[in-house]
Amino acid sequence: PIELPGPREDGAIEQDPDLEEVPAVNLLCFLGGSIPWYCGIAGGLPLTTDRIPAVRAMGLVSLVASIWMKSQATNLFIKRGSPLSHGQEVPELITEGPYAISRNPMYLGVVGTMFSFGLLMNTWWVVGASAPLAAYMQFHVIPYEERYLRKRFDTWPAYMERVPRWI
């Protein structure tokens, strides 16, 4: 059997060393989206040339929703005394507010914000750069956290069945 990370005797969580790679992934996503756009390579590969106001309006709506989702989730963590960083004991499973819509509203907000900026700038580069970030979270970060939550909370399986991972 595979040994899953979980709480230590002092309540802290064993840190997955691969999670330290997140800043490098964020940097790659940022550079992959912004450098070609900034340099004007292929005109930034616009999403559209004739419906720019509509694309930007969708970007604005998406940005507001993404920022709302992340800020509500963050505020709820702070209000409940739950740590925002990895490697600390989670005192309770939060299932209301944005967590009733998505099991990962903070990550949804981060990816949504990046995607929104692509729409606002009318460029495929930034929209496309949000995909590797979402994939990294989907296949690496979230499964690690879910293994911990499954071991920590008996109510996790029911919550997981009821609420989607993203939206």
N, C-alpha and C. Protein backbone atom coordinates (compact mmCIF):
# COMPACT_ATOMS: atom_id res chain seq x y z
N PRO A 1 0.82 -1.20 0.00
CA PRO A 1 0.00 0.00 0.00
C PRO A 1 0.87 1.26 0.00
N ILE A 2 0.32 2.30 -0.61
CA ILE A 2 1.01 3.59 -0.66
C ILE A 2 0.72 4.35 0.62
N GLU A 3 1.77 4.91 1.20
CA GLU A 3 1.61 5.70 2.42
C GLU A 3 1.17 7.11 2.03
N LEU A 4 -0.01 7.50 2.45
CA LEU A 4 -0.52 8.82 2.14
C LEU A 4 -0.09 9.81 3.21
N PRO A 5 0.17 11.07 2.79
CA PRO A 5 0.50 12.07 3.79
C PRO A 5 -0.71 12.31 4.68
N GLY A 6 -0.47 12.59 5.91
CA GLY A 6 -1.57 12.83 6.84
C GLY A 6 -1.08 13.59 8.05
N PRO A 7 -1.93 13.76 9.01
CA PRO A 7 -1.54 14.52 10.20
C PRO A 7 -0.46 13.79 10.99
N ARG A 8 0.49 14.57 11.51
CA ARG A 8 1.49 14.03 12.42
C ARG A 8 0.92 14.08 13.83
N GLU A 9 1.69 13.60 14.79
CA GLU A 9 1.22 13.63 16.18
C GLU A 9 0.94 15.04 16.66
N ASP A 10 1.72 16.03 16.15
CA ASP A 10 1.51 17.42 16.58
C ASP A 10 0.39 18.11 15.81
N GLY A 11 -0.29 17.37 14.90
CA GLY A 11 -1.41 17.93 14.15
C GLY A 11 -1.02 18.52 12.81
N ALA A 12 0.27 18.75 12.58
CA ALA A 12 0.71 19.30 11.30
C ALA A 12 0.62 18.21 10.23
N ILE A 13 0.65 18.63 9.00
CA ILE A 13 0.53 17.71 7.87
C ILE A 13 1.91 17.52 7.25
N GLU A 14 2.22 16.30 6.87
CA GLU A 14 3.46 16.05 6.16
C GLU A 14 3.39 16.76 4.81
N GLN A 15 4.35 17.59 4.52
CA GLN A 15 4.36 18.37 3.29
C GLN A 15 4.84 17.52 2.12
N ASP A 16 4.11 17.58 1.03
CA ASP A 16 4.51 16.91 -0.21
C ASP A 16 5.60 17.76 -0.84
N PRO A 17 6.83 17.24 -1.00
CA PRO A 17 7.91 18.07 -1.54
C PRO A 17 7.64 18.57 -2.95
N ASP A 18 6.81 17.88 -3.72
CA ASP A 18 6.52 18.32 -5.08
C ASP A 18 5.69 19.59 -5.11
N LEU A 19 5.00 19.91 -4.02
CA LEU A 19 4.19 21.12 -4.00
C LEU A 19 5.05 22.37 -4.03
N GLU A 20 6.31 22.24 -3.72
CA GLU A 20 7.21 23.39 -3.78
C GLU A 20 7.39 23.89 -5.21
N GLU A 21 6.99 23.10 -6.21
CA GLU A 21 7.16 23.48 -7.60
C GLU A 21 6.10 24.46 -8.09
N VAL A 22 5.09 24.75 -7.31
CA VAL A 22 3.99 25.59 -7.76
C VAL A 22 4.45 26.95 -8.26
N PRO A 23 5.34 27.70 -7.55
CA PRO A 23 5.76 28.99 -8.09
C PRO A 23 6.39 28.89 -9.48
N ALA A 24 7.15 27.84 -9.75
CA ALA A 24 7.76 27.69 -11.07
C ALA A 24 6.69 27.48 -12.13
N VAL A 25 5.65 26.72 -11.82
CA VAL A 25 4.56 26.51 -12.76
C VAL A 25 3.83 27.82 -13.01
N ASN A 26 3.56 28.58 -11.95
CA ASN A 26 2.91 29.87 -12.12
C ASN A 26 3.73 30.80 -13.00
N LEU A 27 5.03 30.81 -12.80
CA LEU A 27 5.90 31.65 -13.60
C LEU A 27 5.88 31.22 -15.07
N LEU A 28 5.94 29.92 -15.31
CA LEU A 28 5.88 29.43 -16.69
C LEU A 28 4.56 29.82 -17.36
N CYS A 29 3.46 29.69 -16.64
CA CYS A 29 2.16 30.08 -17.19
C CYS A 29 2.13 31.58 -17.50
N PHE A 30 2.64 32.37 -16.57
CA PHE A 30 2.66 33.81 -16.77
C PHE A 30 3.52 34.19 -17.98
N LEU A 31 4.73 33.64 -18.03
CA LEU A 31 5.62 33.96 -19.15
C LEU A 31 5.07 33.45 -20.48
N GLY A 32 4.51 32.23 -20.45
CA GLY A 32 3.95 31.65 -21.66
C GLY A 32 2.81 32.48 -22.22
N GLY A 33 2.09 33.18 -21.35
CA GLY A 33 0.98 34.00 -21.81
C GLY A 33 1.35 35.43 -22.10
N SER A 34 2.26 35.99 -21.31
CA SER A 34 2.52 37.42 -21.45
C SER A 34 3.63 37.80 -22.41
N ILE A 35 4.68 37.01 -22.49
CA ILE A 35 5.80 37.38 -23.37
C ILE A 35 5.38 37.46 -24.84
N PRO A 36 4.72 36.43 -25.39
CA PRO A 36 4.30 36.56 -26.79
C PRO A 36 3.34 37.73 -27.00
N TRP A 37 2.44 37.96 -26.06
CA TRP A 37 1.51 39.07 -26.19
C TRP A 37 2.26 40.40 -26.15
N TYR A 38 3.18 40.53 -25.19
CA TYR A 38 3.95 41.76 -25.05
C TYR A 38 4.81 42.02 -26.28
N CYS A 39 5.40 40.97 -26.82
CA CYS A 39 6.28 41.11 -27.99
C CYS A 39 5.49 41.28 -29.29
N GLY A 40 4.18 41.09 -29.23
CA GLY A 40 3.37 41.26 -30.43
C GLY A 40 3.51 40.12 -31.42
N ILE A 41 3.94 38.96 -30.95
CA ILE A 41 4.08 37.81 -31.83
C ILE A 41 2.71 37.42 -32.35
N ALA A 42 2.56 37.40 -33.66
CA ALA A 42 1.31 37.05 -34.32
C ALA A 42 0.16 37.90 -33.80
N GLY A 43 0.47 39.15 -33.45
CA GLY A 43 -0.56 40.04 -32.95
C GLY A 43 -1.16 39.57 -31.64
N GLY A 44 -0.47 38.68 -30.94
CA GLY A 44 -1.00 38.14 -29.71
C GLY A 44 -2.06 37.09 -29.95
N LEU A 45 -2.20 36.62 -31.16
CA LEU A 45 -3.24 35.66 -31.53
C LEU A 45 -4.58 36.05 -30.93
N PRO A 46 -5.24 37.05 -31.49
CA PRO A 46 -6.50 37.51 -30.91
C PRO A 46 -7.58 36.43 -30.94
N LEU A 47 -8.44 36.47 -29.95
CA LEU A 47 -9.58 35.58 -29.91
C LEU A 47 -10.57 35.94 -31.02
N THR A 48 -10.71 37.23 -31.27
CA THR A 48 -11.62 37.72 -32.29
C THR A 48 -11.13 39.06 -32.80
N THR A 49 -11.54 39.42 -34.00
CA THR A 49 -11.20 40.74 -34.53
C THR A 49 -12.44 41.61 -34.69
N ASP A 50 -13.62 40.99 -34.64
CA ASP A 50 -14.84 41.76 -34.86
C ASP A 50 -15.78 41.83 -33.66
N ARG A 51 -15.54 41.05 -32.64
CA ARG A 51 -16.42 41.06 -31.46
C ARG A 51 -15.64 41.38 -30.18
N ILE A 52 -14.69 42.28 -30.29
CA ILE A 52 -13.82 42.61 -29.17
C ILE A 52 -14.61 43.11 -27.95
N PRO A 53 -15.58 44.03 -28.09
CA PRO A 53 -16.32 44.48 -26.91
C PRO A 53 -17.04 43.33 -26.20
N ALA A 54 -17.62 42.39 -26.94
CA ALA A 54 -18.32 41.26 -26.32
C ALA A 54 -17.35 40.36 -25.57
N VAL A 55 -16.20 40.09 -26.15
CA VAL A 55 -15.19 39.24 -25.49
C VAL A 55 -14.70 39.91 -24.23
N ARG A 56 -14.45 41.20 -24.32
CA ARG A 56 -13.98 41.93 -23.12
C ARG A 56 -15.07 41.99 -22.06
N ALA A 57 -16.33 42.11 -22.45
CA ALA A 57 -17.43 42.10 -21.47
C ALA A 57 -17.48 40.74 -20.77
N MET A 58 -17.33 39.65 -21.54
CA MET A 58 -17.29 38.32 -20.92
C MET A 58 -16.11 38.20 -19.97
N GLY A 59 -14.98 38.79 -20.37
CA GLY A 59 -13.80 38.77 -19.51
C GLY A 59 -14.03 39.52 -18.21
N LEU A 60 -14.72 40.65 -18.29
CA LEU A 60 -15.01 41.42 -17.09
C LEU A 60 -15.95 40.67 -16.15
N VAL A 61 -17.00 40.07 -16.71
CA VAL A 61 -17.92 39.29 -15.88
C VAL A 61 -17.20 38.11 -15.24
N SER A 62 -16.37 37.42 -16.03
CA SER A 62 -15.61 36.28 -15.52
C SER A 62 -14.62 36.72 -14.44
N LEU A 63 -13.99 37.86 -14.63
CA LEU A 63 -13.03 38.37 -13.65
C LEU A 63 -13.73 38.69 -12.32
N VAL A 64 -14.86 39.36 -12.39
CA VAL A 64 -15.60 39.70 -11.17
C VAL A 64 -16.02 38.42 -10.45
N ALA A 65 -16.53 37.43 -11.19
CA ALA A 65 -16.96 36.17 -10.57
C ALA A 65 -15.77 35.43 -9.96
N SER A 66 -14.63 35.43 -10.65
CA SER A 66 -13.45 34.73 -10.15
C SER A 66 -12.90 35.38 -8.89
N ILE A 67 -12.83 36.69 -8.90
CA ILE A 67 -12.33 37.41 -7.72
C ILE A 67 -13.30 37.22 -6.55
N TRP A 68 -14.61 37.27 -6.82
CA TRP A 68 -15.59 37.04 -5.77
C TRP A 68 -15.43 35.65 -5.17
N MET A 69 -15.30 34.63 -6.04
CA MET A 69 -15.18 33.24 -5.58
C MET A 69 -13.96 33.08 -4.67
N LYS A 70 -12.82 33.58 -5.12
CA LYS A 70 -11.59 33.42 -4.34
C LYS A 70 -11.65 34.22 -3.04
N SER A 71 -12.16 35.44 -3.10
CA SER A 71 -12.20 36.26 -1.89
C SER A 71 -13.19 35.71 -0.87
N GLN A 72 -14.34 35.21 -1.31
CA GLN A 72 -15.30 34.62 -0.37
C GLN A 72 -14.72 33.37 0.29
N ALA A 73 -14.05 32.55 -0.49
CA ALA A 73 -13.44 31.33 0.06
C ALA A 73 -12.33 31.68 1.05
N THR A 74 -11.50 32.64 0.69
CA THR A 74 -10.41 33.06 1.57
C THR A 74 -10.96 33.66 2.87
N ASN A 75 -11.95 34.52 2.74
CA ASN A 75 -12.54 35.14 3.94
C ASN A 75 -13.17 34.10 4.85
N LEU A 76 -13.80 33.09 4.28
CA LEU A 76 -14.40 32.02 5.09
C LEU A 76 -13.33 31.22 5.83
N PHE A 77 -12.21 30.94 5.15
CA PHE A 77 -11.10 30.25 5.82
C PHE A 77 -10.60 31.08 7.00
N ILE A 78 -10.41 32.36 6.79
CA ILE A 78 -9.90 33.25 7.84
C ILE A 78 -10.89 33.31 9.00
N LYS A 79 -12.17 33.47 8.68
CA LYS A 79 -13.21 33.56 9.71
C LYS A 79 -13.26 32.29 10.57
N ARG A 80 -13.05 31.14 9.95
CA ARG A 80 -13.12 29.86 10.65
C ARG A 80 -11.79 29.43 11.27
N GLY A 81 -10.72 30.20 11.03
CA GLY A 81 -9.42 29.85 11.59
C GLY A 81 -8.74 28.70 10.87
N SER A 82 -9.09 28.50 9.62
CA SER A 82 -8.47 27.43 8.82
C SER A 82 -7.25 28.00 8.11
N PRO A 83 -6.15 27.28 8.09
CA PRO A 83 -4.93 27.82 7.47
C PRO A 83 -5.06 27.93 5.94
N LEU A 84 -4.47 28.97 5.40
CA LEU A 84 -4.49 29.16 3.94
C LEU A 84 -3.32 28.44 3.27
N SER A 85 -2.27 28.17 4.00
CA SER A 85 -1.10 27.53 3.40
C SER A 85 -1.12 26.02 3.65
N HIS A 86 -0.36 25.32 2.82
CA HIS A 86 -0.24 23.87 2.94
C HIS A 86 0.59 23.50 4.16
N GLY A 87 0.42 22.27 4.60
CA GLY A 87 1.27 21.74 5.66
C GLY A 87 0.81 22.04 7.07
N GLN A 88 -0.39 22.58 7.23
CA GLN A 88 -0.91 22.87 8.56
C GLN A 88 -2.20 22.09 8.77
N GLU A 89 -2.50 21.80 10.02
CA GLU A 89 -3.72 21.05 10.34
C GLU A 89 -4.96 21.85 9.97
N VAL A 90 -5.92 21.17 9.34
CA VAL A 90 -7.20 21.77 9.00
C VAL A 90 -8.17 21.43 10.12
N PRO A 91 -8.69 22.42 10.85
CA PRO A 91 -9.53 22.12 12.01
C PRO A 91 -10.93 21.62 11.68
N GLU A 92 -11.48 22.02 10.53
CA GLU A 92 -12.82 21.57 10.17
C GLU A 92 -12.98 21.58 8.65
N LEU A 93 -13.91 20.79 8.17
CA LEU A 93 -14.23 20.74 6.75
C LEU A 93 -15.29 21.81 6.47
N ILE A 94 -14.92 22.80 5.69
CA ILE A 94 -15.84 23.89 5.37
C ILE A 94 -16.63 23.49 4.13
N THR A 95 -17.96 23.52 4.24
CA THR A 95 -18.81 23.05 3.15
C THR A 95 -19.87 24.06 2.74
N GLU A 96 -19.87 25.24 3.33
CA GLU A 96 -20.87 26.23 2.95
C GLU A 96 -20.23 27.36 2.17
N GLY A 97 -21.05 28.35 1.79
CA GLY A 97 -20.55 29.46 0.99
C GLY A 97 -20.09 28.96 -0.36
N PRO A 98 -18.95 29.43 -0.84
CA PRO A 98 -18.47 28.98 -2.15
C PRO A 98 -18.11 27.49 -2.17
N TYR A 99 -17.89 26.91 -0.98
CA TYR A 99 -17.58 25.49 -0.90
C TYR A 99 -18.81 24.61 -1.10
N ALA A 100 -19.99 25.21 -1.17
CA ALA A 100 -21.19 24.46 -1.52
C ALA A 100 -21.34 24.37 -3.05
N ILE A 101 -20.57 25.18 -3.77
CA ILE A 101 -20.62 25.21 -5.23
C ILE A 101 -19.45 24.43 -5.83
N SER A 102 -18.28 24.58 -5.20
CA SER A 102 -17.04 23.97 -5.70
C SER A 102 -16.20 23.53 -4.51
N ARG A 103 -15.54 22.36 -4.64
CA ARG A 103 -14.65 21.92 -3.56
C ARG A 103 -13.36 22.72 -3.56
N ASN A 104 -13.09 23.45 -4.63
CA ASN A 104 -11.83 24.19 -4.76
C ASN A 104 -12.08 25.62 -5.26
N PRO A 105 -12.85 26.41 -4.54
CA PRO A 105 -13.16 27.75 -5.04
C PRO A 105 -11.95 28.68 -5.13
N MET A 106 -10.94 28.47 -4.29
CA MET A 106 -9.75 29.33 -4.39
C MET A 106 -9.01 29.04 -5.70
N TYR A 107 -8.82 27.77 -6.02
CA TYR A 107 -8.14 27.42 -7.26
C TYR A 107 -8.98 27.83 -8.47
N LEU A 108 -10.30 27.66 -8.37
CA LEU A 108 -11.20 28.08 -9.43
C LEU A 108 -11.06 29.59 -9.66
N GLY A 109 -10.95 30.34 -8.58
CA GLY A 109 -10.77 31.78 -8.69
C GLY A 109 -9.45 32.17 -9.34
N VAL A 110 -8.39 31.47 -9.01
CA VAL A 110 -7.07 31.76 -9.58
C VAL A 110 -7.06 31.46 -11.08
N VAL A 111 -7.52 30.29 -11.46
CA VAL A 111 -7.55 29.91 -12.88
C VAL A 111 -8.53 30.80 -13.64
N GLY A 112 -9.68 31.08 -13.02
CA GLY A 112 -10.66 31.96 -13.66
C GLY A 112 -10.13 33.36 -13.87
N THR A 113 -9.36 33.87 -12.92
CA THR A 113 -8.77 35.21 -13.07
C THR A 113 -7.80 35.24 -14.24
N MET A 114 -6.97 34.23 -14.34
CA MET A 114 -6.02 34.18 -15.46
C MET A 114 -6.77 34.09 -16.79
N PHE A 115 -7.76 33.22 -16.87
CA PHE A 115 -8.57 33.07 -18.07
C PHE A 115 -9.26 34.40 -18.42
N SER A 116 -9.77 35.10 -17.40
CA SER A 116 -10.46 36.37 -17.61
C SER A 116 -9.54 37.42 -18.22
N PHE A 117 -8.29 37.46 -17.75
CA PHE A 117 -7.35 38.41 -18.32
C PHE A 117 -7.09 38.12 -19.80
N GLY A 118 -7.11 36.84 -20.17
CA GLY A 118 -6.98 36.50 -21.59
C GLY A 118 -8.13 37.06 -22.40
N LEU A 119 -9.34 36.97 -21.85
CA LEU A 119 -10.50 37.54 -22.54
C LEU A 119 -10.40 39.07 -22.59
N LEU A 120 -10.03 39.68 -21.47
CA LEU A 120 -9.91 41.14 -21.43
C LEU A 120 -8.86 41.66 -22.42
N MET A 121 -7.77 40.91 -22.56
CA MET A 121 -6.70 41.32 -23.49
C MET A 121 -6.96 40.79 -24.90
N ASN A 122 -8.04 40.02 -25.08
CA ASN A 122 -8.40 39.45 -26.37
C ASN A 122 -7.25 38.65 -26.98
N THR A 123 -6.67 37.75 -26.18
CA THR A 123 -5.54 36.98 -26.68
C THR A 123 -5.63 35.52 -26.24
N TRP A 124 -5.35 34.64 -27.19
CA TRP A 124 -5.31 33.21 -26.91
C TRP A 124 -4.14 32.86 -26.00
N TRP A 125 -3.09 33.67 -26.00
CA TRP A 125 -1.90 33.32 -25.23
C TRP A 125 -2.20 33.17 -23.74
N VAL A 126 -2.94 34.12 -23.18
CA VAL A 126 -3.23 34.07 -21.75
C VAL A 126 -4.34 33.05 -21.47
N VAL A 127 -5.34 33.00 -22.35
CA VAL A 127 -6.38 31.98 -22.20
C VAL A 127 -5.72 30.59 -22.20
N GLY A 128 -4.82 30.36 -23.14
CA GLY A 128 -4.12 29.07 -23.24
C GLY A 128 -3.19 28.81 -22.07
N ALA A 129 -2.60 29.86 -21.52
CA ALA A 129 -1.68 29.68 -20.39
C ALA A 129 -2.41 29.26 -19.12
N SER A 130 -3.72 29.49 -19.06
CA SER A 130 -4.47 29.06 -17.87
C SER A 130 -4.66 27.54 -17.85
N ALA A 131 -4.57 26.90 -19.00
CA ALA A 131 -4.78 25.44 -19.07
C ALA A 131 -3.70 24.65 -18.32
N PRO A 132 -2.39 24.94 -18.50
CA PRO A 132 -1.40 24.17 -17.73
C PRO A 132 -1.51 24.39 -16.22
N LEU A 133 -1.90 25.59 -15.83
CA LEU A 133 -2.08 25.85 -14.41
C LEU A 133 -3.24 25.01 -13.86
N ALA A 134 -4.35 24.99 -14.58
CA ALA A 134 -5.49 24.18 -14.15
C ALA A 134 -5.14 22.70 -14.14
N ALA A 135 -4.39 22.25 -15.14
CA ALA A 135 -4.00 20.84 -15.20
C ALA A 135 -3.09 20.47 -14.03
N TYR A 136 -2.16 21.34 -13.69
CA TYR A 136 -1.26 21.07 -12.56
C TYR A 136 -2.06 20.94 -11.27
N MET A 137 -3.00 21.83 -11.09
CA MET A 137 -3.84 21.75 -9.88
C MET A 137 -4.71 20.49 -9.90
N GLN A 138 -5.30 20.19 -11.04
CA GLN A 138 -6.20 19.05 -11.17
C GLN A 138 -5.50 17.72 -10.91
N PHE A 139 -4.30 17.56 -11.45
CA PHE A 139 -3.64 16.26 -11.39
C PHE A 139 -2.57 16.14 -10.31
N HIS A 140 -2.19 17.26 -9.68
CA HIS A 140 -1.12 17.18 -8.69
C HIS A 140 -1.53 17.75 -7.33
N VAL A 141 -1.92 18.99 -7.29
CA VAL A 141 -2.19 19.65 -6.02
C VAL A 141 -3.48 19.14 -5.37
N ILE A 142 -4.57 19.13 -6.12
CA ILE A 142 -5.87 18.76 -5.55
C ILE A 142 -5.90 17.30 -5.07
N PRO A 143 -5.39 16.33 -5.84
CA PRO A 143 -5.41 14.96 -5.32
C PRO A 143 -4.64 14.81 -4.00
N TYR A 144 -3.53 15.51 -3.86
CA TYR A 144 -2.77 15.48 -2.61
C TYR A 144 -3.62 15.99 -1.46
N GLU A 145 -4.30 17.12 -1.67
CA GLU A 145 -5.14 17.68 -0.62
C GLU A 145 -6.34 16.78 -0.31
N GLU A 146 -6.91 16.20 -1.35
CA GLU A 146 -8.08 15.34 -1.14
C GLU A 146 -7.72 14.06 -0.37
N ARG A 147 -6.53 13.54 -0.58
CA ARG A 147 -6.10 12.37 0.20
C ARG A 147 -6.04 12.72 1.69
N TYR A 148 -5.50 13.89 2.00
CA TYR A 148 -5.44 14.34 3.38
C TYR A 148 -6.85 14.51 3.96
N LEU A 149 -7.72 15.20 3.22
CA LEU A 149 -9.08 15.46 3.72
C LEU A 149 -9.87 14.17 3.91
N ARG A 150 -9.67 13.19 3.03
CA ARG A 150 -10.35 11.90 3.15
C ARG A 150 -9.95 11.20 4.46
N LYS A 151 -8.65 11.29 4.79
CA LYS A 151 -8.17 10.66 6.03
C LYS A 151 -8.59 11.46 7.26
N ARG A 152 -8.72 12.76 7.14
CA ARG A 152 -8.97 13.64 8.28
C ARG A 152 -10.45 13.73 8.67
N PHE A 153 -11.34 13.69 7.67
CA PHE A 153 -12.75 13.94 7.95
C PHE A 153 -13.63 12.79 7.44
N ASP A 154 -14.43 12.23 8.34
CA ASP A 154 -15.36 11.16 7.97
C ASP A 154 -16.44 11.65 7.01
N THR A 155 -16.72 12.94 7.02
CA THR A 155 -17.78 13.51 6.17
C THR A 155 -17.30 13.81 4.75
N TRP A 156 -16.00 13.63 4.49
CA TRP A 156 -15.45 13.95 3.18
C TRP A 156 -16.12 13.18 2.03
N PRO A 157 -16.30 11.86 2.10
CA PRO A 157 -16.90 11.16 0.96
C PRO A 157 -18.29 11.69 0.57
N ALA A 158 -19.12 12.02 1.54
CA ALA A 158 -20.45 12.55 1.23
C ALA A 158 -20.34 13.93 0.58
N TYR A 159 -19.43 14.76 1.10
CA TYR A 159 -19.20 16.09 0.52
C TYR A 159 -18.69 15.96 -0.91
N MET A 160 -17.77 15.04 -1.13
CA MET A 160 -17.19 14.83 -2.45
C MET A 160 -18.26 14.38 -3.46
N GLU A 161 -19.20 13.58 -3.01
CA GLU A 161 -20.29 13.13 -3.89
C GLU A 161 -21.25 14.27 -4.22
N ARG A 162 -21.44 15.16 -3.28
CA ARG A 162 -22.43 16.23 -3.42
C ARG A 162 -21.91 17.44 -4.21
N VAL A 163 -20.62 17.76 -4.08
CA VAL A 163 -20.08 19.00 -4.65
C VAL A 163 -18.98 18.67 -5.66
N PRO A 164 -19.03 19.27 -6.84
CA PRO A 164 -18.01 18.98 -7.86
C PRO A 164 -16.64 19.56 -7.48
N ARG A 165 -15.61 18.97 -8.06
CA ARG A 165 -14.23 19.42 -7.78
C ARG A 165 -14.03 20.86 -8.23
N TRP A 166 -14.49 21.20 -9.39
CA TRP A 166 -14.33 22.56 -9.91
C TRP A 166 -15.66 23.29 -9.87
N ILE A 167 -16.53 23.00 -10.81
CA ILE A 167 -17.86 23.63 -10.83
C ILE A 167 -18.79 22.85 -11.73
